[in-house]
PDB file of N, CA and C in Angstrom:
ATOM      1  N   MET A   1     -15.144 273.784 152.253  1.00  0.00           N
ATOM      2  CA  MET A   1     -14.269 274.359 153.251  1.00  0.00           C
ATOM      3  C   MET A   1     -15.075 274.568 154.534  1.00  0.00           C
ATOM      4  N   ASP A   2     -14.594 273.981 155.626  1.00  0.00           N
ATOM      5  CA  ASP A   2     -15.294 274.158 156.894  1.00  0.00           C
ATOM      6  C   ASP A   2     -14.647 275.278 157.705  1.00  0.00           C
ATOM      7  N   ILE A   3     -15.182 275.532 158.887  1.00  0.00           N
ATOM      8  CA  ILE A   3     -14.713 276.656 159.693  1.00  0.00           C
ATOM      9  C   ILE A   3     -13.246 276.494 160.092  1.00  0.00           C
ATOM     10  N   ILE A   4     -12.813 275.268 160.295  1.00  0.00           N
ATOM     11  CA  ILE A   4     -11.410 275.031 160.649  1.00  0.00           C
ATOM     12  C   ILE A   4     -10.502 275.407 159.481  1.00  0.00           C
ATOM     13  N   ASP A   5     -10.906 275.075 158.275  1.00  0.00           N
ATOM     14  CA  ASP A   5     -10.142 275.477 157.090  1.00  0.00           C
ATOM     15  C   ASP A   5     -10.084 277.003 156.977  1.00  0.00           C
ATOM     16  N   ARG A   6     -11.191 277.658 157.324  1.00  0.00           N
ATOM     17  CA  ARG A   6     -11.210 279.123 157.252  1.00  0.00           C
ATOM     18  C   ARG A   6     -10.284 279.735 158.300  1.00  0.00           C
ATOM     19  N   LEU A   7     -10.225 279.127 159.484  1.00  0.00           N
ATOM     20  CA  LEU A   7      -9.276 279.600 160.499  1.00  0.00           C
ATOM     21  C   LEU A   7      -7.846 279.451 159.988  1.00  0.00           C
ATOM     22  N   GLN A   8      -7.557 278.301 159.390  1.00  0.00           N
ATOM     23  CA  GLN A   8      -6.219 278.071 158.835  1.00  0.00           C
ATOM     24  C   GLN A   8      -5.903 279.090 157.747  1.00  0.00           C
ATOM     25  N   GLU A   9      -6.901 279.462 156.972  1.00  0.00           N
ATOM     26  CA  GLU A   9      -6.695 280.448 155.917  1.00  0.00           C
ATOM     27  C   GLU A   9      -6.328 281.816 156.505  1.00  0.00           C
ATOM     28  N   ILE A  10      -6.963 282.193 157.604  1.00  0.00           N
ATOM     29  CA  ILE A  10      -6.624 283.455 158.276  1.00  0.00           C
ATOM     30  C   ILE A  10      -5.193 283.395 158.795  1.00  0.00           C
ATOM     31  N   ILE A  11      -4.841 282.291 159.429  1.00  0.00           N
ATOM     32  CA  ILE A  11      -3.486 282.123 159.963  1.00  0.00           C
ATOM     33  C   ILE A  11      -2.459 282.244 158.842  1.00  0.00           C
ATOM     34  N   THR A  12      -2.707 281.584 157.735  1.00  0.00           N
ATOM     35  CA  THR A  12      -1.799 281.642 156.588  1.00  0.00           C
ATOM     36  C   THR A  12      -1.738 283.051 156.014  1.00  0.00           C
ATOM     37  N   TYR A  13      -2.876 283.683 155.865  1.00  0.00           N
ATOM     38  CA  TYR A  13      -2.944 285.039 155.315  1.00  0.00           C
ATOM     39  C   TYR A  13      -2.131 286.015 156.162  1.00  0.00           C
ATOM     40  N   GLU A  14      -2.184 285.836 157.477  1.00  0.00           N
ATOM     41  CA  GLU A  14      -1.447 286.703 158.393  1.00  0.00           C
ATOM     42  C   GLU A  14       0.029 286.313 158.497  1.00  0.00           C
ATOM     43  N   GLY A  15       0.406 285.196 157.884  1.00  0.00           N
ATOM     44  CA  GLY A  15       1.800 284.754 157.933  1.00  0.00           C
ATOM     45  C   GLY A  15       2.199 284.262 159.314  1.00  0.00           C
ATOM     46  N   MET A  16       1.269 283.675 160.011  1.00  0.00           N
ATOM     47  CA  MET A  16       1.518 283.228 161.380  1.00  0.00           C
ATOM     48  C   MET A  16       1.543 281.706 161.451  1.00  0.00           C
ATOM     49  N   ASN A  17       1.960 281.212 162.602  1.00  0.00           N
ATOM     50  CA  ASN A  17       1.781 279.802 162.914  1.00  0.00           C
ATOM     51  C   ASN A  17       0.709 279.719 163.996  1.00  0.00           C
ATOM     52  N   VAL A  18       0.362 278.523 164.403  1.00  0.00           N
ATOM     53  CA  VAL A  18      -0.729 278.353 165.365  1.00  0.00           C
ATOM     54  C   VAL A  18      -0.411 279.040 166.689  1.00  0.00           C
ATOM     55  N   SER A  19       0.825 278.911 167.160  1.00  0.00           N
ATOM     56  CA  SER A  19       1.199 279.521 168.442  1.00  0.00           C
ATOM     57  C   SER A  19       1.101 281.038 168.404  1.00  0.00           C
ATOM     58  N   SER A  20       1.645 281.643 167.359  1.00  0.00           N
ATOM     59  CA  SER A  20       1.602 283.108 167.277  1.00  0.00           C
ATOM     60  C   SER A  20       0.173 283.605 167.084  1.00  0.00           C
ATOM     61  N   PHE A  21      -0.640 282.836 166.372  1.00  0.00           N
ATOM     62  CA  PHE A  21      -2.045 283.189 166.188  1.00  0.00           C
ATOM     63  C   PHE A  21      -2.772 283.163 167.529  1.00  0.00           C
ATOM     64  N   ALA A  22      -2.564 282.095 168.290  1.00  0.00           N
ATOM     65  CA  ALA A  22      -3.207 281.975 169.602  1.00  0.00           C
ATOM     66  C   ALA A  22      -2.813 283.134 170.506  1.00  0.00           C
ATOM     67  N   LYS A  23      -1.531 283.434 170.511  1.00  0.00           N
ATOM     68  CA  LYS A  23      -1.040 284.535 171.346  1.00  0.00           C
ATOM     69  C   LYS A  23      -1.655 285.860 170.909  1.00  0.00           C
ATOM     70  N   ARG A  24      -1.720 286.081 169.612  1.00  0.00           N
ATOM     71  CA  ARG A  24      -2.243 287.343 169.072  1.00  0.00           C
ATOM     72  C   ARG A  24      -3.702 287.566 169.445  1.00  0.00           C
ATOM     73  N   ILE A  25      -4.503 286.498 169.424  1.00  0.00           N
ATOM     74  CA  ILE A  25      -5.923 286.673 169.752  1.00  0.00           C
ATOM     75  C   ILE A  25      -6.185 286.538 171.252  1.00  0.00           C
ATOM     76  N   GLY A  26      -5.158 286.175 172.014  1.00  0.00           N
ATOM     77  CA  GLY A  26      -5.322 286.046 173.458  1.00  0.00           C
ATOM     78  C   GLY A  26      -5.984 284.742 173.871  1.00  0.00           C
ATOM     79  N   ALA A  27      -5.687 283.684 173.130  1.00  0.00           N
ATOM     80  CA  ALA A  27      -6.251 282.367 173.444  1.00  0.00           C
ATOM     81  C   ALA A  27      -5.125 281.427 173.869  1.00  0.00           C
ATOM     82  N   VAL A  28      -5.496 280.355 174.507  1.00  0.00           N
ATOM     83  CA  VAL A  28      -4.523 279.347 174.926  1.00  0.00           C
ATOM     84  C   VAL A  28      -4.056 278.576 173.694  1.00  0.00           C
ATOM     85  N   ASP A  29      -2.744 278.398 173.601  1.00  0.00           N
ATOM     86  CA  ASP A  29      -2.149 277.714 172.455  1.00  0.00           C
ATOM     87  C   ASP A  29      -2.785 276.346 172.229  1.00  0.00           C
ATOM     88  N   GLN A  30      -2.939 275.570 173.290  1.00  0.00           N
ATOM     89  CA  GLN A  30      -3.486 274.215 173.158  1.00  0.00           C
ATOM     90  C   GLN A  30      -4.925 274.226 172.649  1.00  0.00           C
ATOM     91  N   THR A  31      -5.672 275.254 173.010  1.00  0.00           N
ATOM     92  CA  THR A  31      -7.054 275.363 172.529  1.00  0.00           C
ATOM     93  C   THR A  31      -7.074 275.506 171.017  1.00  0.00           C
ATOM     94  N   ILE A  32      -6.260 276.432 170.507  1.00  0.00           N
ATOM     95  CA  ILE A  32      -6.215 276.672 169.063  1.00  0.00           C
ATOM     96  C   ILE A  32      -5.607 275.477 168.346  1.00  0.00           C
ATOM     97  N   ARG A  33      -4.588 274.882 168.946  1.00  0.00           N
ATOM     98  CA  ARG A  33      -3.955 273.698 168.353  1.00  0.00           C
ATOM     99  C   ARG A  33      -4.965 272.544 168.255  1.00  0.00           C
ATOM    100  N   GLY A  34      -5.799 272.381 169.278  1.00  0.00           N
ATOM    101  CA  GLY A  34      -6.826 271.338 169.266  1.00  0.00           C
ATOM    102  C   GLY A  34      -7.861 271.554 168.170  1.00  0.00           C
ATOM    103  N   ILE A  35      -8.088 272.827 167.837  1.00  0.00           N
ATOM    104  CA  ILE A  35      -9.056 273.149 166.784  1.00  0.00           C
ATOM    105  C   ILE A  35      -8.428 273.004 165.404  1.00  0.00           C
ATOM    106  N   VAL A  36      -7.315 273.689 165.190  1.00  0.00           N
ATOM    107  CA  VAL A  36      -6.737 273.811 163.847  1.00  0.00           C
ATOM    108  C   VAL A  36      -5.875 272.613 163.451  1.00  0.00           C
ATOM    109  N   VAL A  37      -5.009 272.169 164.337  1.00  0.00           N
ATOM    110  CA  VAL A  37      -4.056 271.112 163.984  1.00  0.00           C
ATOM    111  C   VAL A  37      -4.665 269.724 164.193  1.00  0.00           C
ATOM    112  N   GLN A  38      -5.170 269.500 165.392  1.00  0.00           N
ATOM    113  CA  GLN A  38      -5.688 268.172 165.722  1.00  0.00           C
ATOM    114  C   GLN A  38      -7.127 267.973 165.259  1.00  0.00           C
ATOM    115  N   ARG A  39      -7.822 269.060 164.986  1.00  0.00           N
ATOM    116  CA  ARG A  39      -9.215 269.031 164.515  1.00  0.00           C
ATOM    117  C   ARG A  39     -10.127 268.251 165.461  1.00  0.00           C
ATOM    118  N   LYS A  40      -9.840 268.348 166.765  1.00  0.00           N
ATOM    119  CA  LYS A  40     -10.658 267.649 167.754  1.00  0.00           C
ATOM    120  C   LYS A  40     -11.919 268.432 168.096  1.00  0.00           C
ATOM    121  N   ASN A  41     -11.833 269.747 168.006  1.00  0.00           N
ATOM    122  CA  ASN A  41     -12.942 270.605 168.421  1.00  0.00           C
ATOM    123  C   ASN A  41     -13.252 271.640 167.360  1.00  0.00           C
ATOM    124  N   LYS A  42     -14.431 272.196 167.447  1.00  0.00           N
ATOM    125  CA  LYS A  42     -14.807 273.362 166.636  1.00  0.00           C
ATOM    126  C   LYS A  42     -14.576 274.585 167.522  1.00  0.00           C
ATOM    127  N   PRO A  43     -14.295 275.740 166.931  1.00  0.00           N
ATOM    128  CA  PRO A  43     -14.084 276.933 167.758  1.00  0.00           C
ATOM    129  C   PRO A  43     -15.380 277.361 168.437  1.00  0.00           C
ATOM    130  N   GLY A  44     -15.266 277.743 169.701  1.00  0.00           N
ATOM    131  CA  GLY A  44     -16.412 278.254 170.441  1.00  0.00           C
ATOM    132  C   GLY A  44     -16.612 279.736 170.179  1.00  0.00           C
ATOM    133  N   PHE A  45     -17.683 280.266 170.750  1.00  0.00           N
ATOM    134  CA  PHE A  45     -18.005 281.678 170.561  1.00  0.00           C
ATOM    135  C   PHE A  45     -16.865 282.577 171.011  1.00  0.00           C
ATOM    136  N   ASP A  46     -16.246 282.258 172.157  1.00  0.00           N
ATOM    137  CA  ASP A  46     -15.179 283.116 172.676  1.00  0.00           C
ATOM    138  C   ASP A  46     -14.001 283.202 171.710  1.00  0.00           C
ATOM    139  N   VAL A  47     -13.636 282.092 171.088  1.00  0.00           N
ATOM    140  CA  VAL A  47     -12.536 282.092 170.116  1.00  0.00           C
ATOM    141  C   VAL A  47     -12.924 282.898 168.879  1.00  0.00           C
ATOM    142  N   LEU A  48     -14.132 282.673 168.381  1.00  0.00           N
ATOM    143  CA  LEU A  48     -14.584 283.410 167.196  1.00  0.00           C
ATOM    144  C   LEU A  48     -14.648 284.910 167.474  1.00  0.00           C
ATOM    145  N   GLU A  49     -15.118 285.265 168.659  1.00  0.00           N
ATOM    146  CA  GLU A  49     -15.191 286.678 169.034  1.00  0.00           C
ATOM    147  C   GLU A  49     -13.799 287.305 169.076  1.00  0.00           C
ATOM    148  N   LYS A  50     -12.841 286.595 169.661  1.00  0.00           N
ATOM    149  CA  LYS A  50     -11.466 287.102 169.732  1.00  0.00           C
ATOM    150  C   LYS A  50     -10.871 287.284 168.338  1.00  0.00           C
ATOM    151  N   ILE A  51     -11.155 286.349 167.449  1.00  0.00           N
ATOM    152  CA  ILE A  51     -10.644 286.445 166.077  1.00  0.00           C
ATOM    153  C   ILE A  51     -11.204 287.685 165.397  1.00  0.00           C
ATOM    154  N   LEU A  52     -12.518 287.881 165.501  1.00  0.00           N
ATOM    155  CA  LEU A  52     -13.152 289.019 164.830  1.00  0.00           C
ATOM    156  C   LEU A  52     -12.757 290.352 165.458  1.00  0.00           C
ATOM    157  N   GLN A  53     -12.475 290.367 166.753  1.00  0.00           N
ATOM    158  CA  GLN A  53     -12.020 291.601 167.394  1.00  0.00           C
ATOM    159  C   GLN A  53     -10.571 291.910 167.038  1.00  0.00           C
ATOM    160  N   THR A  54      -9.772 290.880 166.881  1.00  0.00           N
ATOM    161  CA  THR A  54      -8.353 291.076 166.562  1.00  0.00           C
ATOM    162  C   THR A  54      -8.142 291.383 165.088  1.00  0.00           C
ATOM    163  N   PHE A  55      -8.779 290.609 164.239  1.00  0.00           N
ATOM    164  CA  PHE A  55      -8.622 290.771 162.794  1.00  0.00           C
ATOM    165  C   PHE A  55      -9.895 291.404 162.244  1.00  0.00           C
ATOM    166  N   THR A  56      -9.985 292.700 162.393  1.00  0.00           N
ATOM    167  CA  THR A  56     -11.214 293.420 162.038  1.00  0.00           C
ATOM    168  C   THR A  56     -11.499 293.391 160.544  1.00  0.00           C
ATOM    169  N   TRP A  57     -10.527 293.009 159.758  1.00  0.00           N
ATOM    170  CA  TRP A  57     -10.715 292.927 158.309  1.00  0.00           C
ATOM    171  C   TRP A  57     -11.444 291.651 157.888  1.00  0.00           C
ATOM    172  N   VAL A  58     -11.561 290.675 158.809  1.00  0.00           N
ATOM    173  CA  VAL A  58     -12.207 289.401 158.484  1.00  0.00           C
ATOM    174  C   VAL A  58     -13.728 289.574 158.490  1.00  0.00           C
ATOM    175  N   SER A  59     -14.352 289.067 157.459  1.00  0.00           N
ATOM    176  CA  SER A  59     -15.809 289.085 157.364  1.00  0.00           C
ATOM    177  C   SER A  59     -16.391 288.033 158.303  1.00  0.00           C
ATOM    178  N   ALA A  60     -17.267 288.461 159.207  1.00  0.00           N
ATOM    179  CA  ALA A  60     -17.900 287.529 160.146  1.00  0.00           C
ATOM    180  C   ALA A  60     -18.746 286.500 159.397  1.00  0.00           C
ATOM    181  N   GLU A  61     -19.422 286.938 158.351  1.00  0.00           N
ATOM    182  CA  GLU A  61     -20.253 286.014 157.570  1.00  0.00           C
ATOM    183  C   GLU A  61     -19.389 284.925 156.942  1.00  0.00           C
ATOM    184  N   TRP A  62     -18.253 285.327 156.374  1.00  0.00           N
ATOM    185  CA  TRP A  62     -17.348 284.349 155.763  1.00  0.00           C
ATOM    186  C   TRP A  62     -16.814 283.384 156.818  1.00  0.00           C
ATOM    187  N   LEU A  63     -16.398 283.929 157.957  1.00  0.00           N
ATOM    188  CA  LEU A  63     -15.835 283.089 159.007  1.00  0.00           C
ATOM    189  C   LEU A  63     -16.855 282.066 159.499  1.00  0.00           C
ATOM    190  N   MET A  64     -18.080 282.506 159.718  1.00  0.00           N
ATOM    191  CA  MET A  64     -19.102 281.623 160.278  1.00  0.00           C
ATOM    192  C   MET A  64     -19.694 280.654 159.249  1.00  0.00           C
ATOM    193  N   THR A  65     -19.930 281.132 158.032  1.00  0.00           N
ATOM    194  CA  THR A  65     -20.676 280.320 157.058  1.00  0.00           C
ATOM    195  C   THR A  65     -19.886 279.936 155.814  1.00  0.00           C
ATOM    196  N   GLY A  66     -18.808 280.666 155.547  1.00  0.00           N
ATOM    197  CA  GLY A  66     -18.057 280.428 154.316  1.00  0.00           C
ATOM    198  C   GLY A  66     -18.611 281.196 153.132  1.00  0.00           C
ATOM    199  N   LYS A  67     -19.674 281.960 153.340  1.00  0.00           N
ATOM    200  CA  LYS A  67     -20.272 282.735 152.249  1.00  0.00           C
ATOM    201  C   LYS A  67     -19.562 284.076 152.116  1.00  0.00           C
ATOM    202  N   GLY A  68     -19.418 284.529 150.877  1.00  0.00           N
ATOM    203  CA  GLY A  68     -18.781 285.816 150.631  1.00  0.00           C
ATOM    204  C   GLY A  68     -17.273 285.710 150.619  1.00  0.00           C
ATOM    205  N   GLU A  69     -16.636 286.843 150.810  1.00  0.00           N
ATOM    206  CA  GLU A  69     -15.177 286.931 150.773  1.00  0.00           C
ATOM    207  C   GLU A  69     -14.604 286.978 152.184  1.00  0.00           C
ATOM    208  N   MET A  70     -13.371 286.526 152.338  1.00  0.00           N
ATOM    209  CA  MET A  70     -12.707 286.541 153.631  1.00  0.00           C
ATOM    210  C   MET A  70     -12.523 287.975 154.127  1.00  0.00           C
ATOM    211  N   ILE A  71     -12.149 288.854 153.217  1.00  0.00           N
ATOM    212  CA  ILE A  71     -11.866 290.243 153.587  1.00  0.00           C
ATOM    213  C   ILE A  71     -13.114 291.080 153.383  1.00  0.00           C
ATOM    214  N   LYS A  72     -13.427 291.899 154.378  1.00  0.00           N
ATOM    215  CA  LYS A  72     -14.590 292.784 154.280  1.00  0.00           C
ATOM    216  C   LYS A  72     -14.349 293.780 153.155  1.00  0.00           C
ATOM    217  N   THR A  73     -15.055 293.642 152.074  1.00  0.00           N
ATOM    218  CA  THR A  73     -14.838 294.530 150.934  1.00  0.00           C
ATOM    219  C   THR A  73     -15.468 295.893 151.149  1.00  0.00           C
ATOM    220  N   GLU A  74     -16.599 295.972 151.825  1.00  0.00           N
ATOM    221  CA  GLU A  74     -17.266 297.253 152.065  1.00  0.00           C
ATOM    222  C   GLU A  74     -16.366 298.176 152.878  1.00  0.00           C
ATOM    223  N   LYS A  75     -15.725 297.638 153.894  1.00  0.00           N
ATOM    224  CA  LYS A  75     -14.840 298.446 154.725  1.00  0.00           C
ATOM    225  C   LYS A  75     -13.662 298.954 153.901  1.00  0.00           C
ATOM    226  N   ASN A  76     -13.084 298.075 153.076  1.00  0.00           N
ATOM    227  CA  ASN A  76     -11.958 298.482 152.241  1.00  0.00           C
ATOM    228  C   ASN A  76     -12.359 299.591 151.285  1.00  0.00           C
ATOM    229  N   ALA A  77     -13.537 299.503 150.720  1.00  0.00           N
ATOM    230  CA  ALA A  77     -14.004 300.525 149.783  1.00  0.00           C
ATOM    231  C   ALA A  77     -14.154 301.864 150.487  1.00  0.00           C
ATOM    232  N   LYS A  78     -14.660 301.857 151.714  1.00  0.00           N
ATOM    233  CA  LYS A  78     -14.823 303.103 152.459  1.00  0.00           C
ATOM    234  C   LYS A  78     -13.472 303.751 152.746  1.00  0.00           C
ATOM    235  N   ILE A  79     -12.492 302.951 153.088  1.00  0.00           N
ATOM    236  CA  ILE A  79     -11.162 303.489 153.372  1.00  0.00           C
ATOM    237  C   ILE A  79     -10.574 304.135 152.124  1.00  0.00           C
ATOM    238  N   GLU A  80     -10.689 303.453 150.985  1.00  0.00           N
ATOM    239  CA  GLU A  80     -10.129 303.987 149.749  1.00  0.00           C
ATOM    240  C   GLU A  80     -10.840 305.258 149.302  1.00  0.00           C
ATOM    241  N   GLN A  81     -12.130 305.398 149.608  1.00  0.00           N
ATOM    242  CA  GLN A  81     -12.890 306.559 149.181  1.00  0.00           C
ATOM    243  C   GLN A  81     -12.598 307.787 150.030  1.00  0.00           C
ATOM    244  N   ASN A  82     -12.089 307.597 151.216  1.00  0.00           N
ATOM    245  CA  ASN A  82     -11.850 308.705 152.119  1.00  0.00           C
ATOM    246  C   ASN A  82     -10.441 309.252 151.902  1.00  0.00           C
ATOM    247  N   PRO A  83     -10.299 310.449 151.308  1.00  0.00           N
ATOM    248  CA  PRO A  83      -8.971 310.994 151.021  1.00  0.00           C
ATOM    249  C   PRO A  83      -8.144 311.251 152.277  1.00  0.00           C
ATOM    250  N   ALA A  84      -8.791 311.663 153.350  1.00  0.00           N
ATOM    251  CA  ALA A  84      -8.051 311.930 154.587  1.00  0.00           C
ATOM    252  C   ALA A  84      -7.438 310.644 155.130  1.00  0.00           C
ATOM    253  N   THR A  85      -8.182 309.571 155.069  1.00  0.00           N
ATOM    254  CA  THR A  85      -7.674 308.286 155.537  1.00  0.00           C
ATOM    255  C   THR A  85      -6.548 307.800 154.635  1.00  0.00           C
ATOM    256  N   ALA A  86      -6.717 307.941 153.339  1.00  0.00           N
ATOM    257  CA  ALA A  86      -5.671 307.532 152.398  1.00  0.00           C
ATOM    258  C   ALA A  86      -4.393 308.327 152.643  1.00  0.00           C
ATOM    259  N   GLU A  87      -4.549 309.616 152.916  1.00  0.00           N
ATOM    260  CA  GLU A  87      -3.389 310.470 153.201  1.00  0.00           C
ATOM    261  C   GLU A  87      -2.706 310.022 154.494  1.00  0.00           C
ATOM    262  N   LEU A  88      -3.494 309.702 155.495  1.00  0.00           N
ATOM    263  CA  LEU A  88      -2.942 309.234 156.763  1.00  0.00           C
ATOM    264  C   LEU A  88      -2.213 307.905 156.585  1.00  0.00           C
ATOM    265  N   ILE A  89      -2.793 307.005 155.812  1.00  0.00           N
ATOM    266  CA  ILE A  89      -2.147 305.715 155.556  1.00  0.00           C
ATOM    267  C   ILE A  89      -0.804 305.923 154.864  1.00  0.00           C
ATOM    268  N   GLN A  90      -0.755 306.812 153.886  1.00  0.00           N
ATOM    269  CA  GLN A  90       0.493 307.110 153.189  1.00  0.00           C
ATOM    270  C   GLN A  90       1.529 307.686 154.155  1.00  0.00           C
ATOM    271  N   TYR A  91       1.089 308.594 155.007  1.00  0.00           N
ATOM    272  CA  TYR A  91       1.971 309.209 156.000  1.00  0.00           C
ATOM    273  C   TYR A  91       2.552 308.135 156.925  1.00  0.00           C
ATOM    274  N   LEU A  92       1.706 307.230 157.393  1.00  0.00           N
ATOM    275  CA  LEU A  92       2.167 306.173 158.286  1.00  0.00           C
ATOM    276  C   LEU A  92       3.136 305.224 157.588  1.00  0.00           C
ATOM    277  N   LYS A  93       2.895 304.929 156.324  1.00  0.00           N
ATOM    278  CA  LYS A  93       3.825 304.085 155.564  1.00  0.00           C
ATOM    279  C   LYS A  93       5.194 304.746 155.471  1.00  0.00           C
ATOM    280  N   GLU A  94       5.201 306.064 155.223  1.00  0.00           N
ATOM    281  CA  GLU A  94       6.466 306.796 155.143  1.00  0.00           C
ATOM    282  C   GLU A  94       7.186 306.770 156.488  1.00  0.00           C
ATOM    283  N   LYS A  95       6.434 306.933 157.561  1.00  0.00           N
ATOM    284  CA  LYS A  95       7.036 306.895 158.900  1.00  0.00           C
ATOM    285  C   LYS A  95       7.588 305.502 159.198  1.00  0.00           C
ATOM    286  N   ASP A  96       6.878 304.467 158.777  1.00  0.00           N
ATOM    287  CA  ASP A  96       7.371 303.103 158.966  1.00  0.00           C
ATOM    288  C   ASP A  96       8.707 302.904 158.256  1.00  0.00           C
ATOM    289  N   LEU A  97       8.815 303.421 157.040  1.00  0.00           N
ATOM    290  CA  LEU A  97      10.073 303.315 156.296  1.00  0.00           C
ATOM    291  C   LEU A  97      11.195 304.050 157.023  1.00  0.00           C
ATOM    292  N   ARG A  98      10.875 305.219 157.563  1.00  0.00           N
ATOM    293  CA  ARG A  98      11.877 306.003 158.295  1.00  0.00           C
ATOM    294  C   ARG A  98      12.326 305.251 159.549  1.00  0.00           C
ATOM    295  N   ILE A  99      11.386 304.652 160.248  1.00  0.00           N
ATOM    296  CA  ILE A  99      11.715 303.883 161.450  1.00  0.00           C
ATOM    297  C   ILE A  99      12.613 302.704 161.090  1.00  0.00           C
ATOM    298  N   GLU A 100      12.287 302.005 160.020  1.00  0.00           N
ATOM    299  CA  GLU A 100      13.110 300.875 159.584  1.00  0.00           C
ATOM    300  C   GLU A 100      14.523 301.336 159.247  1.00  0.00           C
ATOM    301  N   ALA A 101      14.645 302.485 158.590  1.00  0.00           N
ATOM    302  CA  ALA A 101      15.964 303.019 158.245  1.00  0.00           C
ATOM    303  C   ALA A 101      16.749 303.363 159.505  1.00  0.00           C
ATOM    304  N   LEU A 102      16.088 303.948 160.484  1.00  0.00           N
ATOM    305  CA  LEU A 102      16.759 304.300 161.737  1.00  0.00           C
ATOM    306  C   LEU A 102      17.194 303.055 162.508  1.00  0.00           C
ATOM    307  N   ILE A 103      16.398 302.021 162.461  1.00  0.00           N
ATOM    308  CA  ILE A 103      16.776 300.767 163.117  1.00  0.00           C
ATOM    309  C   ILE A 103      18.025 300.192 162.460  1.00  0.00           C
ATOM    310  N   GLU A 104      18.060 300.207 161.135  1.00  0.00           N
ATOM    311  CA  GLU A 104      19.243 299.727 160.413  1.00  0.00           C
ATOM    312  C   GLU A 104      20.474 300.552 160.786  1.00  0.00           C
ATOM    313  N   GLU A 105      20.305 301.866 160.832  1.00  0.00           N
ATOM    314  CA  GLU A 105      21.415 302.754 161.188  1.00  0.00           C
ATOM    315  C   GLU A 105      21.899 302.461 162.606  1.00  0.00           C
ATOM    316  N   LYS A 106      20.975 302.247 163.511  1.00  0.00           N
ATOM    317  CA  LYS A 106      21.330 301.929 164.896  1.00  0.00           C
ATOM    318  C   LYS A 106      22.136 300.640 164.956  1.00  0.00           C
ATOM    319  N   LEU A 107      21.714 299.626 164.198  1.00  0.00           N
ATOM    320  CA  LEU A 107      22.434 298.356 164.190  1.00  0.00           C
ATOM    321  C   LEU A 107      23.856 298.522 163.652  1.00  0.00           C
ATOM    322  N   GLU A 108      24.007 299.354 162.622  1.00  0.00           N
ATOM    323  CA  GLU A 108      25.339 299.613 162.074  1.00  0.00           C
ATOM    324  C   GLU A 108      26.230 300.288 163.112  1.00  0.00           C
ATOM    325  N   TRP A 109      25.698 301.283 163.809  1.00  0.00           N
ATOM    326  CA  TRP A 109      26.471 301.970 164.837  1.00  0.00           C
ATOM    327  C   TRP A 109      26.818 301.024 165.985  1.00  0.00           C
ATOM    328  N   LYS A 110      25.906 300.151 166.325  1.00  0.00           N
ATOM    329  CA  LYS A 110      26.149 299.187 167.393  1.00  0.00           C
ATOM    330  C   LYS A 110      27.293 298.251 167.007  1.00  0.00           C
ATOM    331  N   LYS A 111      27.296 297.777 165.753  1.00  0.00           N
ATOM    332  CA  LYS A 111      28.380 296.904 165.290  1.00  0.00           C
ATOM    333  C   LYS A 111      29.722 297.627 165.349  1.00  0.00           C
ATOM    334  N   LYS A 112      29.737 298.892 164.893  1.00  0.00           N
ATOM    335  CA  LYS A 112      30.970 299.675 164.933  1.00  0.00           C
ATOM    336  C   LYS A 112      31.449 299.858 166.363  1.00  0.00           C
ATOM    337  N   PHE A 113      30.524 300.138 167.260  1.00  0.00           N
ATOM    338  CA  PHE A 113      30.866 300.330 168.664  1.00  0.00           C
ATOM    339  C   PHE A 113      31.453 299.056 169.258  1.00  0.00           C
ATOM    340  N   GLU A 114      30.838 297.916 168.952  1.00  0.00           N
ATOM    341  CA  GLU A 114      31.326 296.638 169.464  1.00  0.00           C
ATOM    342  C   GLU A 114      32.708 296.314 168.917  1.00  0.00           C
ATOM    343  N   LEU A 115      32.958 296.652 167.648  1.00  0.00           N
ATOM    344  CA  LEU A 115      34.290 296.440 167.073  1.00  0.00           C
ATOM    345  C   LEU A 115      35.329 297.302 167.778  1.00  0.00           C
ATOM    346  N   GLU A 116      34.986 298.543 168.051  1.00  0.00           N
ATOM    347  CA  GLU A 116      35.905 299.445 168.755  1.00  0.00           C
ATOM    348  C   GLU A 116      36.190 298.938 170.158  1.00  0.00           C
ATOM    349  N   GLN A 117      35.179 298.412 170.820  1.00  0.00           N
ATOM    350  CA  GLN A 117      35.375 297.875 172.166  1.00  0.00           C
ATOM    351  C   GLN A 117      36.320 296.681 172.138  1.00  0.00           C
ATOM    352  N   LYS A 118      36.189 295.824 171.122  1.00  0.00           N
ATOM    353  CA  LYS A 118      37.065 294.657 171.006  1.00  0.00           C
ATOM    354  C   LYS A 118      38.509 295.084 170.758  1.00  0.00           C
ATOM    355  N   LYS A 119      38.686 296.161 169.981  1.00  0.00           N
ATOM    356  CA  LYS A 119      40.032 296.663 169.696  1.00  0.00           C
ATOM    357  C   LYS A 119      40.692 297.194 170.963  1.00  0.00           C
ATOM    358  N   ASN A 120      39.903 297.788 171.823  1.00  0.00           N
ATOM    359  CA  ASN A 120      40.431 298.411 173.038  1.00  0.00           C
ATOM    360  C   ASN A 120      40.639 297.425 174.176  1.00  0.00           C
ATOM    361  N   VAL A 121      40.242 296.185 173.995  1.00  0.00           N
ATOM    362  CA  VAL A 121      40.380 295.196 175.077  1.00  0.00           C
ATOM    363  C   VAL A 121      41.709 294.519 175.024  1.00  0.00           C
TER     364      VAL A 121
END
């Protein structure tokens, strides 16, 4: 597996396509497309730096050399060991669920409102 394959693995892991990946890291779409899809170029330092700054969970050693695991395991272990962080993560997950529920409720009210407007026209 070469560095281009590893970039593709990150893109797949994140559930992105090349365009959304380029946008997310702040790179030009054609630059990333030339690397990943067309395989014309290898990523330069600026692209690698943007990837590591954006996806902080990616192991720099894995990205550069292919050695080790894609995901930084040491960082994950520290997060799991810290009860305050685990509590905060749980709290944020609950808030995310609440936000999703409110968005659904808003959409339902919007549909009802639009139906009422059509009836009154």
